[in-house]
Amino acid sequence: MTEEKEAFLDRWSRLKREETQEEAAPPPAQKEEVAMPALPPVEQLDPESDFKPFMDSRVDGETRRAALKKLFTDAHFNERDLFEFYSEDFTVSETIPEEMLKTLKHAKHLLFDEKKAAQAAQAASQDTQPQDAQPQDKPQEPGDVAGKQDA
């Protein structure tokens, strides 16, 4: 118990140095690279073929992509999954008829152009009020009128 413990940072530094020295030393015995299996021609592949050799890391990317393209051209991969909500192709749709487009443009201007709508409402209210009449301070609501008639 009288031994002094090595300080944390000293121990960490020593272990890091040892680790660096181990990394610098060449590995004792490297495995001999296994020869890559012969790949069948991509043109002869069909869905029942074995595609595992094409997924090897030593195969160049272009060959791997060509094999995968060949695999995914099978009709099996083009079937829609009925239980998948987002499997439909929404990029192709019917065009909106011209008459409906005119209606939509008209509705957009009527419903969403607030400045013009406010000006139109103000102009309409000025046209409907007689020149002699004084504007009311508080407009009556239909519920208030019905309540007064019942009383």
Foldseek 3Di string as FASTA:
>chain_A
DPDDDDDPVVVVVVVVVVVVVVVVDDDPDDDDDDDQDDDDDLVPDALVDDLVSLPDPVHDPVSSVSNVVRNCVDCVNVDFDPVDPPRDDPPDDDDDDPVVVVVVVVCCCQPPVVVVVVVVVVVVVVVVDDPPDDDDPDDDDPVVVVVVVVD
